[in-house]
Amino acid sequence: MLRRLIVRVDRYQRAHGSLGFPVATLKKFGEDRAGHLAALIAYYGFFSLFPLMLVLVTVLGLTLAGNSEFQHRIVDSALAQFPIIGDQIRQNLHALNGTGLALAVGIAGALWAAMAGIKAAQNAMDEIWNVPVKRQPSFLVALLRAAIMLGTLGLFLVLASFLGGVAAGTGGAPLWLKVLGIVGSVVLNFLVFWVAFRVLTVAEVSWGDVFPGAAVASILWSALQTVGGYIIGHRLESASETYGFFAVVIGLLTWLYLGGQVTILAAEINVVRARRLWPRSLDPEALTEADRRTLRQLAVSEERREDQRVDVSFRDRERGGGDGDRAHRR
């Protein structure tokens, strides 16, 4: 009875792309152990966030010494990405002290630590695109890509500070100007994800391949920020009674994990669409061509040496044996 129901549902979702595509995306999400990848991003992102904020406030203090209002606006724009928790971080954030070589070493060390989260995102993107281990970037290439992404984020914060001020407006600001500021902030979110999905992987993808995921990510991120205030606030309220100050840590990790999940889900949309990995089968005994391509790519991604070759075969159950598909494809 249950198998008949599964078969009927499976046939229906295969015949309707509006269902087949989401099913394929969620299935690949599970096959790539996306929850594990999101946890790694949250873990390394947690340890890289504070050094990155130290660098931000220090550099702003050096370059904008005569404009404290603009300094606070940029920092507030960065911390606004973290509902409720941002206020807690702001209270305990202070610039690096020192002069000359000591300050330069401090900034360099903080930047080095801050790149850990971006490198974790790089590894996640390569794994999602099934980049073979032997093709994953060298240390210098990974460092360069992380630096580009870090610079993009810095530019985003500066522009977001202006748009945030426009969106907040003043009492006499026209409505169209406030709407323009809000729309501009959403567009900036899209641009950051668009660049990230293209830069953070060595897979051969075009800007068009990562466009849909960037659009979805910007929408989901905006929705997460709207609902996140309630989620994180509730989590902090319940955790504060038991963990006290460490409730902020729990709330921050929860927020980073949710953000990682949203980002990886949007990236999976890019992969499924670009490689046409749908419809997928809900019945393990009736694989589709998209199932075969996906499983083949997962196997080939384990190649670790240039002289190593992974061949994938599928036994045709309906014919009672034999290798129905044996090939090495990329």
C-alpha atoms as a PDB file:
ATOM      1  CA  MET A   1       0.000   0.000   0.000  1.00  0.00           C
ATOM      2  CA  LEU A   2       2.716   2.437   1.004  1.00  0.00           C
ATOM      3  CA  ARG A   3       4.849   1.562  -2.012  1.00  0.00           C
ATOM      4  CA  ARG A   4       1.909   2.151  -4.360  1.00  0.00           C
ATOM      5  CA  LEU A   5       1.406   5.583  -2.848  1.00  0.00           C
ATOM      6  CA  ILE A   6       5.109   6.397  -3.251  1.00  0.00           C
ATOM      7  CA  VAL A   7       5.042   5.288  -6.880  1.00  0.00           C
ATOM      8  CA  ARG A   8       1.987   7.414  -7.650  1.00  0.00           C
ATOM      9  CA  VAL A   9       3.411  10.489  -5.962  1.00  0.00           C
ATOM     10  CA  ASP A  10       6.740   9.883  -7.691  1.00  0.00           C
ATOM     11  CA  ARG A  11       5.174   9.712 -11.133  1.00  0.00           C
ATOM     12  CA  TYR A  12       3.214  12.889 -10.506  1.00  0.00           C
ATOM     13  CA  GLN A  13       6.192  14.945  -9.340  1.00  0.00           C
ATOM     14  CA  ARG A  14       8.311  13.694 -12.251  1.00  0.00           C
ATOM     15  CA  ALA A  15       5.670  14.846 -14.726  1.00  0.00           C
ATOM     16  CA  HIS A  16       5.360  18.312 -13.185  1.00  0.00           C
ATOM     17  CA  GLY A  17       8.477  20.468 -13.156  1.00  0.00           C
ATOM     18  CA  SER A  18       7.025  22.798 -10.526  1.00  0.00           C
ATOM     19  CA  LEU A  19       7.266  19.870  -8.096  1.00  0.00           C
ATOM     20  CA  GLY A  20      10.120  17.939  -9.667  1.00  0.00           C
ATOM     21  CA  PHE A  21      12.611  20.789  -9.391  1.00  0.00           C
ATOM     22  CA  PRO A  22      12.084  21.461  -5.642  1.00  0.00           C
ATOM     23  CA  VAL A  23      12.177  17.722  -4.941  1.00  0.00           C
ATOM     24  CA  ALA A  24      15.475  17.392  -6.831  1.00  0.00           C
ATOM     25  CA  THR A  25      16.921  20.391  -4.993  1.00  0.00           C
ATOM     26  CA  LEU A  26      15.984  19.034  -1.567  1.00  0.00           C
ATOM     27  CA  LYS A  27      17.247  15.579  -2.463  1.00  0.00           C
ATOM     28  CA  LYS A  28      20.637  16.912  -3.527  1.00  0.00           C
ATOM     29  CA  PHE A  29      20.644  19.073  -0.399  1.00  0.00           C
ATOM     30  CA  GLY A  30      20.518  15.876   1.622  1.00  0.00           C
ATOM     31  CA  GLU A  31      23.007  13.959  -0.525  1.00  0.00           C
ATOM     32  CA  ASP A  32      25.583  16.728  -0.146  1.00  0.00           C
ATOM     33  CA  ARG A  33      25.163  16.621   3.652  1.00  0.00           C
ATOM     34  CA  ALA A  34      24.251  20.284   3.509  1.00  0.00           C
ATOM     35  CA  GLY A  35      23.404  20.383   7.206  1.00  0.00           C
ATOM     36  CA  HIS A  36      26.983  19.369   7.954  1.00  0.00           C
ATOM     37  CA  LEU A  37      28.329  22.016   5.564  1.00  0.00           C
ATOM     38  CA  ALA A  38      26.126  24.679   7.165  1.00  0.00           C
ATOM     39  CA  ALA A  39      27.399  23.652  10.602  1.00  0.00           C
ATOM     40  CA  LEU A  40      31.008  24.081   9.425  1.00  0.00           C
ATOM     41  CA  ILE A  41      30.196  27.532   8.027  1.00  0.00           C
ATOM     42  CA  ALA A  42      28.547  28.476  11.327  1.00  0.00           C
ATOM     43  CA  TYR A  43      31.500  27.148  13.347  1.00  0.00           C
ATOM     44  CA  TYR A  44      34.227  28.908  11.366  1.00  0.00           C
ATOM     45  CA  GLY A  45      32.014  31.937  10.811  1.00  0.00           C
ATOM     46  CA  PHE A  46      31.610  32.304  14.566  1.00  0.00           C
ATOM     47  CA  PHE A  47      35.367  32.399  15.129  1.00  0.00           C
ATOM     48  CA  SER A  48      35.994  34.675  12.149  1.00  0.00           C
ATOM     49  CA  LEU A  49      33.238  37.204  12.926  1.00  0.00           C
ATOM     50  CA  PHE A  50      34.859  38.905  15.879  1.00  0.00           C
ATOM     51  CA  PRO A  51      38.341  39.322  14.317  1.00  0.00           C
ATOM     52  CA  LEU A  52      36.658  40.714  11.204  1.00  0.00           C
ATOM     53  CA  MET A  53      34.673  43.229  13.250  1.00  0.00           C
ATOM     54  CA  LEU A  54      37.865  44.228  15.090  1.00  0.00           C
ATOM     55  CA  VAL A  55      39.527  44.949  11.755  1.00  0.00           C
ATOM     56  CA  LEU A  56      36.486  46.908  10.594  1.00  0.00           C
ATOM     57  CA  VAL A  57      36.291  49.239  13.579  1.00  0.00           C
ATOM     58  CA  THR A  58      40.078  49.675  13.651  1.00  0.00           C
ATOM     59  CA  VAL A  59      40.360  50.578   9.965  1.00  0.00           C
ATOM     60  CA  LEU A  60      37.357  52.895  10.233  1.00  0.00           C
ATOM     61  CA  GLY A  61      38.933  54.586  13.232  1.00  0.00           C
ATOM     62  CA  LEU A  62      42.130  55.194  11.269  1.00  0.00           C
ATOM     63  CA  THR A  63      40.596  56.306   7.988  1.00  0.00           C
ATOM     64  CA  LEU A  64      37.527  58.182   9.269  1.00  0.00           C
ATOM     65  CA  ALA A  65      38.932  59.703  12.432  1.00  0.00           C
ATOM     66  CA  GLY A  66      37.074  62.956  11.822  1.00  0.00           C
ATOM     67  CA  ASN A  67      33.696  61.415  11.023  1.00  0.00           C
ATOM     68  CA  SER A  68      32.531  59.308  13.940  1.00  0.00           C
ATOM     69  CA  GLU A  69      28.916  59.384  12.747  1.00  0.00           C
ATOM     70  CA  PHE A  70      29.830  57.645   9.485  1.00  0.00           C
ATOM     71  CA  GLN A  71      31.951  55.115  11.418  1.00  0.00           C
ATOM     72  CA  HIS A  72      29.003  54.163  13.614  1.00  0.00           C
ATOM     73  CA  ARG A  73      26.698  53.965  10.591  1.00  0.00           C
ATOM     74  CA  ILE A  74      28.926  51.422   8.830  1.00  0.00           C
ATOM     75  CA  VAL A  75      29.340  49.318  11.974  1.00  0.00           C
ATOM     76  CA  ASP A  76      25.585  49.443  12.595  1.00  0.00           C
ATOM     77  CA  SER A  77      24.957  48.299   9.001  1.00  0.00           C
ATOM     78  CA  ALA A  78      27.195  45.289   9.584  1.00  0.00           C
ATOM     79  CA  LEU A  79      25.638  44.365  12.928  1.00  0.00           C
ATOM     80  CA  ALA A  80      22.115  44.874  11.580  1.00  0.00           C
ATOM     81  CA  GLN A  81      22.554  41.553   9.769  1.00  0.00           C
ATOM     82  CA  PHE A  82      22.241  39.859  13.182  1.00  0.00           C
ATOM     83  CA  PRO A  83      18.845  40.559  14.804  1.00  0.00           C
ATOM     84  CA  ILE A  84      19.023  41.288  18.553  1.00  0.00           C
ATOM     85  CA  ILE A  85      22.530  39.772  18.803  1.00  0.00           C
ATOM     86  CA  GLY A  86      24.018  42.745  16.975  1.00  0.00           C
ATOM     87  CA  ASP A  87      23.306  44.999  19.942  1.00  0.00           C
ATOM     88  CA  GLN A  88      25.123  42.592  22.269  1.00  0.00           C
ATOM     89  CA  ILE A  89      28.164  42.475  19.969  1.00  0.00           C
ATOM     90  CA  ARG A  90      28.253  46.273  19.662  1.00  0.00           C
ATOM     91  CA  GLN A  91      28.513  46.686  23.433  1.00  0.00           C
ATOM     92  CA  ASN A  92      31.652  44.524  23.580  1.00  0.00           C
ATOM     93  CA  LEU A  93      33.384  45.729  20.416  1.00  0.00           C
ATOM     94  CA  HIS A  94      36.512  47.868  20.676  1.00  0.00           C
ATOM     95  CA  ALA A  95      39.172  48.815  18.152  1.00  0.00           C
ATOM     96  CA  LEU A  96      42.668  47.366  18.219  1.00  0.00           C
ATOM     97  CA  ASN A  97      45.178  49.564  20.055  1.00  0.00           C
ATOM     98  CA  GLY A  98      48.796  50.300  19.246  1.00  0.00           C
ATOM     99  CA  THR A  99      50.831  52.059  16.612  1.00  0.00           C
ATOM    100  CA  GLY A 100      53.061  51.170  13.708  1.00  0.00           C
ATOM    101  CA  LEU A 101      54.224  47.574  13.411  1.00  0.00           C
ATOM    102  CA  ALA A 102      52.223  46.275  16.376  1.00  0.00           C
ATOM    103  CA  LEU A 103      48.964  47.583  14.918  1.00  0.00           C
ATOM    104  CA  ALA A 104      49.805  46.224  11.451  1.00  0.00           C
ATOM    105  CA  VAL A 105      50.546  42.783  12.911  1.00  0.00           C
ATOM    106  CA  GLY A 106      47.303  42.883  14.895  1.00  0.00           C
ATOM    107  CA  ILE A 107      45.234  43.766  11.819  1.00  0.00           C
ATOM    108  CA  ALA A 108      46.986  41.116   9.704  1.00  0.00           C
ATOM    109  CA  GLY A 109      46.370  38.457  12.351  1.00  0.00           C
ATOM    110  CA  ALA A 110      42.724  39.397  12.681  1.00  0.00           C
ATOM    111  CA  LEU A 111      42.274  39.304   8.895  1.00  0.00           C
ATOM    112  CA  TRP A 112      43.891  35.881   8.759  1.00  0.00           C
ATOM    113  CA  ALA A 113      41.476  34.566  11.376  1.00  0.00           C
ATOM    114  CA  ALA A 114      38.546  36.286   9.671  1.00  0.00           C
ATOM    115  CA  MET A 115      39.160  34.422   6.423  1.00  0.00           C
ATOM    116  CA  ALA A 116      38.400  31.082   8.080  1.00  0.00           C
ATOM    117  CA  GLY A 117      34.653  31.536   7.562  1.00  0.00           C
ATOM    118  CA  ILE A 118      35.105  32.461   3.907  1.00  0.00           C
ATOM    119  CA  LYS A 119      37.357  29.437   3.336  1.00  0.00           C
ATOM    120  CA  ALA A 120      34.684  27.226   4.910  1.00  0.00           C
ATOM    121  CA  ALA A 121      32.176  28.665   2.428  1.00  0.00           C
ATOM    122  CA  GLN A 122      34.651  27.955  -0.398  1.00  0.00           C
ATOM    123  CA  ASN A 123      34.888  24.306   0.603  1.00  0.00           C
ATOM    124  CA  ALA A 124      31.099  24.097   0.807  1.00  0.00           C
ATOM    125  CA  MET A 125      30.602  25.565  -2.677  1.00  0.00           C
ATOM    126  CA  ASP A 126      33.179  23.200  -4.204  1.00  0.00           C
ATOM    127  CA  GLU A 127      31.495  20.247  -2.535  1.00  0.00           C
ATOM    128  CA  ILE A 128      28.054  21.310  -3.755  1.00  0.00           C
ATOM    129  CA  TRP A 129      29.362  21.591  -7.329  1.00  0.00           C
ATOM    130  CA  ASN A 130      31.077  18.184  -6.895  1.00  0.00           C
ATOM    131  CA  VAL A 131      34.520  19.549  -7.701  1.00  0.00           C
ATOM    132  CA  PRO A 132      36.998  16.626  -7.543  1.00  0.00           C
ATOM    133  CA  VAL A 133      39.455  16.890  -4.682  1.00  0.00           C
ATOM    134  CA  LYS A 134      42.349  16.985  -7.160  1.00  0.00           C
ATOM    135  CA  ARG A 135      40.855  20.106  -8.800  1.00  0.00           C
ATOM    136  CA  GLN A 136      40.156  22.048  -5.650  1.00  0.00           C
ATOM    137  CA  PRO A 137      42.155  25.292  -5.351  1.00  0.00           C
ATOM    138  CA  SER A 138      45.672  25.520  -4.016  1.00  0.00           C
ATOM    139  CA  PHE A 139      46.441  27.539  -0.918  1.00  0.00           C
ATOM    140  CA  LEU A 140      47.318  30.709  -2.849  1.00  0.00           C
ATOM    141  CA  VAL A 141      44.282  30.514  -5.147  1.00  0.00           C
ATOM    142  CA  ALA A 142      41.971  29.938  -2.181  1.00  0.00           C
ATOM    143  CA  LEU A 143      43.564  32.873  -0.377  1.00  0.00           C
ATOM    144  CA  LEU A 144      43.081  35.145  -3.397  1.00  0.00           C
ATOM    145  CA  ARG A 145      39.431  34.173  -3.759  1.00  0.00           C
ATOM    146  CA  ALA A 146      38.872  34.765  -0.049  1.00  0.00           C
ATOM    147  CA  ALA A 147      40.479  38.203  -0.330  1.00  0.00           C
ATOM    148  CA  ILE A 148      38.219  39.117  -3.274  1.00  0.00           C
ATOM    149  CA  MET A 149      35.158  38.033  -1.322  1.00  0.00           C
ATOM    150  CA  LEU A 150      36.320  39.926   1.750  1.00  0.00           C
ATOM    151  CA  GLY A 151      36.763  43.090  -0.327  1.00  0.00           C
ATOM    152  CA  THR A 152      33.292  42.611  -1.807  1.00  0.00           C
ATOM    153  CA  LEU A 153      31.803  42.358   1.673  1.00  0.00           C
ATOM    154  CA  GLY A 154      33.634  45.525   2.725  1.00  0.00           C
ATOM    155  CA  LEU A 155      32.255  47.431  -0.255  1.00  0.00           C
ATOM    156  CA  PHE A 156      28.804  46.056   0.523  1.00  0.00           C
ATOM    157  CA  LEU A 157      28.946  47.406   4.082  1.00  0.00           C
ATOM    158  CA  VAL A 158      29.930  50.892   2.912  1.00  0.00           C
ATOM    159  CA  LEU A 159      27.120  51.037   0.343  1.00  0.00           C
ATOM    160  CA  ALA A 160      24.628  49.494   2.764  1.00  0.00           C
ATOM    161  CA  SER A 161      25.365  52.219   5.298  1.00  0.00           C
ATOM    162  CA  PHE A 162      24.333  54.881   2.788  1.00  0.00           C
ATOM    163  CA  LEU A 163      21.203  53.008   1.730  1.00  0.00           C
ATOM    164  CA  GLY A 164      20.310  52.262   5.348  1.00  0.00           C
ATOM    165  CA  GLY A 165      20.415  55.967   6.091  1.00  0.00           C
ATOM    166  CA  VAL A 166      18.238  56.705   3.071  1.00  0.00           C
ATOM    167  CA  ALA A 167      15.743  53.995   4.026  1.00  0.00           C
ATOM    168  CA  ALA A 168      15.479  55.317   7.577  1.00  0.00           C
ATOM    169  CA  GLY A 169      15.160  58.816   6.211  1.00  0.00           C
ATOM    170  CA  THR A 170      13.967  61.774   8.158  1.00  0.00           C
ATOM    171  CA  GLY A 171      10.536  63.081   8.871  1.00  0.00           C
ATOM    172  CA  GLY A 172      10.536  65.223   5.732  1.00  0.00           C
ATOM    173  CA  ALA A 173      12.036  62.627   3.352  1.00  0.00           C
ATOM    174  CA  PRO A 174       9.749  61.701   0.436  1.00  0.00           C
ATOM    175  CA  LEU A 175       8.263  58.217   0.406  1.00  0.00           C
ATOM    176  CA  TRP A 176       9.852  57.300  -2.935  1.00  0.00           C
ATOM    177  CA  LEU A 177      13.313  57.987  -1.495  1.00  0.00           C
ATOM    178  CA  LYS A 178      12.692  55.658   1.440  1.00  0.00           C
ATOM    179  CA  VAL A 179      11.377  52.936  -0.884  1.00  0.00           C
ATOM    180  CA  LEU A 180      14.444  53.414  -3.074  1.00  0.00           C
ATOM    181  CA  GLY A 181      16.674  52.853  -0.063  1.00  0.00           C
ATOM    182  CA  ILE A 182      14.897  49.602   0.867  1.00  0.00           C
ATOM    183  CA  VAL A 183      14.981  48.292  -2.705  1.00  0.00           C
ATOM    184  CA  GLY A 184      18.653  49.239  -2.939  1.00  0.00           C
ATOM    185  CA  SER A 185      19.426  47.186   0.188  1.00  0.00           C
ATOM    186  CA  VAL A 186      17.731  44.110  -1.316  1.00  0.00           C
ATOM    187  CA  VAL A 187      19.672  44.607  -4.556  1.00  0.00           C
ATOM    188  CA  LEU A 188      22.917  44.796  -2.588  1.00  0.00           C
ATOM    189  CA  ASN A 189      22.077  41.500  -0.887  1.00  0.00           C
ATOM    190  CA  PHE A 190      21.535  39.971  -4.317  1.00  0.00           C
ATOM    191  CA  LEU A 191      24.863  41.302  -5.626  1.00  0.00           C
ATOM    192  CA  VAL A 192      26.783  39.899  -2.658  1.00  0.00           C
ATOM    193  CA  PHE A 193      25.291  36.426  -3.135  1.00  0.00           C
ATOM    194  CA  TRP A 194      25.786  36.656  -6.900  1.00  0.00           C
ATOM    195  CA  VAL A 195      29.500  37.389  -6.497  1.00  0.00           C
ATOM    196  CA  ALA A 196      29.891  34.824  -3.704  1.00  0.00           C
ATOM    197  CA  PHE A 197      28.310  31.972  -5.675  1.00  0.00           C
ATOM    198  CA  ARG A 198      30.567  32.745  -8.649  1.00  0.00           C
ATOM    199  CA  VAL A 199      33.845  33.471  -6.837  1.00  0.00           C
ATOM    200  CA  LEU A 200      33.775  30.872  -4.064  1.00  0.00           C
ATOM    201  CA  THR A 201      34.038  27.844  -6.356  1.00  0.00           C
ATOM    202  CA  VAL A 202      36.534  26.706  -8.978  1.00  0.00           C
ATOM    203  CA  ALA A 203      33.802  24.872 -10.881  1.00  0.00           C
ATOM    204  CA  GLU A 204      33.259  26.087 -14.442  1.00  0.00           C
ATOM    205  CA  VAL A 205      30.109  28.128 -13.940  1.00  0.00           C
ATOM    206  CA  SER A 206      28.896  31.313 -15.573  1.00  0.00           C
ATOM    207  CA  TRP A 207      27.268  34.364 -14.025  1.00  0.00           C
ATOM    208  CA  GLY A 208      23.981  33.165 -15.513  1.00  0.00           C
ATOM    209  CA  ASP A 209      24.345  29.800 -13.764  1.00  0.00           C
ATOM    210  CA  VAL A 210      24.433  31.439 -10.332  1.00  0.00           C
ATOM    211  CA  PHE A 211      21.831  34.139 -10.993  1.00  0.00           C
ATOM    212  CA  PRO A 212      18.711  32.186  -9.830  1.00  0.00           C
ATOM    213  CA  GLY A 213      20.296  31.074  -6.569  1.00  0.00           C
ATOM    214  CA  ALA A 214      21.448  34.603  -5.803  1.00  0.00           C
ATOM    215  CA  ALA A 215      17.908  35.906  -6.341  1.00  0.00           C
ATOM    216  CA  VAL A 216      16.434  33.218  -4.086  1.00  0.00           C
ATOM    217  CA  ALA A 217      19.122  33.763  -1.440  1.00  0.00           C
ATOM    218  CA  SER A 218      18.483  37.509  -1.285  1.00  0.00           C
ATOM    219  CA  ILE A 219      14.754  36.899  -0.792  1.00  0.00           C
ATOM    220  CA  LEU A 220      15.262  34.151   1.801  1.00  0.00           C
ATOM    221  CA  TRP A 221      17.842  36.236   3.660  1.00  0.00           C
ATOM    222  CA  SER A 222      15.464  39.196   3.845  1.00  0.00           C
ATOM    223  CA  ALA A 223      12.710  36.892   5.103  1.00  0.00           C
ATOM    224  CA  LEU A 224      15.096  35.329   7.617  1.00  0.00           C
ATOM    225  CA  GLN A 225      15.990  38.737   8.985  1.00  0.00           C
ATOM    226  CA  THR A 226      12.305  39.560   9.362  1.00  0.00           C
ATOM    227  CA  VAL A 227      11.458  36.320  11.157  1.00  0.00           C
ATOM    228  CA  GLY A 228      14.896  35.912  12.709  1.00  0.00           C
ATOM    229  CA  GLY A 229      14.250  38.578  15.313  1.00  0.00           C
ATOM    230  CA  TYR A 230      11.517  36.399  16.807  1.00  0.00           C
ATOM    231  CA  ILE A 231      13.461  33.139  16.448  1.00  0.00           C
ATOM    232  CA  ILE A 232      16.670  34.426  17.991  1.00  0.00           C
ATOM    233  CA  GLY A 233      14.819  36.471  20.614  1.00  0.00           C
ATOM    234  CA  HIS A 234      12.849  33.406  21.738  1.00  0.00           C
ATOM    235  CA  ARG A 235      16.006  31.274  21.770  1.00  0.00           C
ATOM    236  CA  LEU A 236      17.897  33.868  23.797  1.00  0.00           C
ATOM    237  CA  GLU A 237      15.054  34.293  26.270  1.00  0.00           C
ATOM    238  CA  SER A 238      14.838  30.570  26.981  1.00  0.00           C
ATOM    239  CA  ALA A 239      18.620  30.072  27.040  1.00  0.00           C
ATOM    240  CA  SER A 240      19.411  33.108  29.209  1.00  0.00           C
ATOM    241  CA  GLU A 241      17.761  31.530  32.236  1.00  0.00           C
ATOM    242  CA  THR A 242      20.162  28.585  32.055  1.00  0.00           C
ATOM    243  CA  TYR A 243      23.308  29.836  30.364  1.00  0.00           C
ATOM    244  CA  GLY A 244      23.335  33.542  31.234  1.00  0.00           C
ATOM    245  CA  PHE A 245      25.869  35.464  29.120  1.00  0.00           C
ATOM    246  CA  PHE A 246      26.593  32.376  27.008  1.00  0.00           C
ATOM    247  CA  ALA A 247      23.063  32.615  25.638  1.00  0.00           C
ATOM    248  CA  VAL A 248      24.429  35.230  23.227  1.00  0.00           C
ATOM    249  CA  VAL A 249      26.858  32.626  21.904  1.00  0.00           C
ATOM    250  CA  ILE A 250      24.013  30.147  21.449  1.00  0.00           C
ATOM    251  CA  GLY A 251      21.898  32.749  19.671  1.00  0.00           C
ATOM    252  CA  LEU A 252      24.751  33.769  17.378  1.00  0.00           C
ATOM    253  CA  LEU A 253      25.561  30.168  16.436  1.00  0.00           C
ATOM    254  CA  THR A 254      21.880  29.528  15.745  1.00  0.00           C
ATOM    255  CA  TRP A 255      21.690  32.559  13.484  1.00  0.00           C
ATOM    256  CA  LEU A 256      24.867  31.618  11.596  1.00  0.00           C
ATOM    257  CA  TYR A 257      23.608  28.070  11.134  1.00  0.00           C
ATOM    258  CA  LEU A 258      20.278  29.282   9.735  1.00  0.00           C
ATOM    259  CA  GLY A 259      22.144  31.636   7.408  1.00  0.00           C
ATOM    260  CA  GLY A 260      24.384  28.789   6.273  1.00  0.00           C
ATOM    261  CA  GLN A 261      21.368  26.596   5.535  1.00  0.00           C
ATOM    262  CA  VAL A 262      19.722  29.333   3.468  1.00  0.00           C
ATOM    263  CA  THR A 263      22.917  30.002   1.522  1.00  0.00           C
ATOM    264  CA  ILE A 264      23.576  26.351   0.695  1.00  0.00           C
ATOM    265  CA  LEU A 265      19.956  25.723  -0.300  1.00  0.00           C
ATOM    266  CA  ALA A 266      20.132  28.638  -2.744  1.00  0.00           C
ATOM    267  CA  ALA A 267      23.437  27.323  -4.116  1.00  0.00           C
ATOM    268  CA  GLU A 268      21.872  23.892  -4.661  1.00  0.00           C
ATOM    269  CA  ILE A 269      19.239  25.567  -6.842  1.00  0.00           C
ATOM    270  CA  ASN A 270      22.049  26.804  -9.082  1.00  0.00           C
ATOM    271  CA  VAL A 271      23.576  23.340  -9.399  1.00  0.00           C
ATOM    272  CA  VAL A 272      20.308  21.525 -10.114  1.00  0.00           C
ATOM    273  CA  ARG A 273      19.297  24.083 -12.721  1.00  0.00           C
ATOM    274  CA  ALA A 274      22.689  24.411 -14.437  1.00  0.00           C
ATOM    275  CA  ARG A 275      23.183  20.633 -14.732  1.00  0.00           C
ATOM    276  CA  ARG A 276      19.512  19.782 -15.261  1.00  0.00           C
ATOM    277  CA  LEU A 277      19.490  17.364 -12.342  1.00  0.00           C
ATOM    278  CA  TRP A 278      15.734  16.868 -12.303  1.00  0.00           C
ATOM    279  CA  PRO A 279      13.353  15.111 -12.104  1.00  0.00           C
ATOM    280  CA  ARG A 280      14.703  12.842  -9.383  1.00  0.00           C
ATOM    281  CA  SER A 281      13.102   9.629  -8.252  1.00  0.00           C
ATOM    282  CA  LEU A 282      11.439   9.058  -4.901  1.00  0.00           C
ATOM    283  CA  ASP A 283      11.484   5.327  -5.644  1.00  0.00           C
ATOM    284  CA  PRO A 284      15.008   3.886  -5.104  1.00  0.00           C
ATOM    285  CA  GLU A 285      14.222   1.069  -7.553  1.00  0.00           C
ATOM    286  CA  ALA A 286      13.425   3.397 -10.472  1.00  0.00           C
ATOM    287  CA  LEU A 287      16.328   5.760 -11.025  1.00  0.00           C
ATOM    288  CA  THR A 288      15.988   8.571 -13.536  1.00  0.00           C
ATOM    289  CA  GLU A 289      18.777   9.840 -15.766  1.00  0.00           C
ATOM    290  CA  ALA A 290      19.119  12.818 -13.400  1.00  0.00           C
ATOM    291  CA  ASP A 291      19.641  10.366 -10.511  1.00  0.00           C
ATOM    292  CA  ARG A 292      22.398   8.627 -12.441  1.00  0.00           C
ATOM    293  CA  ARG A 293      24.156  11.876 -13.325  1.00  0.00           C
ATOM    294  CA  THR A 294      23.987  13.103  -9.744  1.00  0.00           C
ATOM    295  CA  LEU A 295      25.325   9.873  -8.256  1.00  0.00           C
ATOM    296  CA  ARG A 296      28.037   9.724 -10.904  1.00  0.00           C
ATOM    297  CA  GLN A 297      29.194  13.255 -10.075  1.00  0.00           C
ATOM    298  CA  LEU A 298      29.256  12.433  -6.360  1.00  0.00           C
ATOM    299  CA  ALA A 299      31.553   9.487  -7.039  1.00  0.00           C
ATOM    300  CA  VAL A 300      33.868  11.337  -9.431  1.00  0.00           C
ATOM    301  CA  SER A 301      34.288  14.165  -6.897  1.00  0.00           C
ATOM    302  CA  GLU A 302      36.340  11.747  -4.750  1.00  0.00           C
ATOM    303  CA  GLU A 303      39.220  11.656  -7.244  1.00  0.00           C
ATOM    304  CA  ARG A 304      42.298  12.839  -5.370  1.00  0.00           C
ATOM    305  CA  ARG A 305      45.172  12.350  -7.845  1.00  0.00           C
ATOM    306  CA  GLU A 306      45.698  13.245 -11.490  1.00  0.00           C
ATOM    307  CA  ASP A 307      46.357   9.604 -12.341  1.00  0.00           C
ATOM    308  CA  GLN A 308      43.216   8.442 -10.509  1.00  0.00           C
ATOM    309  CA  ARG A 309      40.053   7.664 -12.466  1.00  0.00           C
ATOM    310  CA  VAL A 310      36.646   6.795 -11.003  1.00  0.00           C
ATOM    311  CA  ASP A 311      34.267   4.766 -13.171  1.00  0.00           C
ATOM    312  CA  VAL A 312      30.607   4.472 -12.228  1.00  0.00           C
ATOM    313  CA  SER A 313      28.228   1.702 -13.227  1.00  0.00           C
ATOM    314  CA  PHE A 314      24.544   1.063 -12.567  1.00  0.00           C
ATOM    315  CA  ARG A 315      23.013  -2.400 -12.679  1.00  0.00           C
ATOM    316  CA  ASP A 316      19.782  -2.562 -14.637  1.00  0.00           C
ATOM    317  CA  ARG A 317      17.378  -4.308 -12.248  1.00  0.00           C
ATOM    318  CA  GLU A 318      14.701  -4.789 -14.832  1.00  0.00           C
ATOM    319  CA  ARG A 319      17.074  -6.841 -16.985  1.00  0.00           C
ATOM    320  CA  GLY A 320      18.213  -8.912 -14.058  1.00  0.00           C
ATOM    321  CA  GLY A 321      21.910  -8.032 -14.018  1.00  0.00           C
ATOM    322  CA  GLY A 322      24.690  -6.722 -16.142  1.00  0.00           C
ATOM    323  CA  ASP A 323      26.096  -3.243 -16.254  1.00  0.00           C
ATOM    324  CA  GLY A 324      23.389  -1.108 -17.752  1.00  0.00           C
ATOM    325  CA  ASP A 325      25.545   2.027 -17.592  1.00  0.00           C
ATOM    326  CA  ARG A 326      29.288   2.084 -17.290  1.00  0.00           C
ATOM    327  CA  ALA A 327      31.058   5.279 -18.147  1.00  0.00           C
ATOM    328  CA  HIS A 328      33.297   7.970 -16.790  1.00  0.00           C
ATOM    329  CA  ARG A 329      31.516  11.277 -17.302  1.00  0.00           C
ATOM    330  CA  ARG A 330      31.938  14.753 -15.974  1.00  0.00           C
END
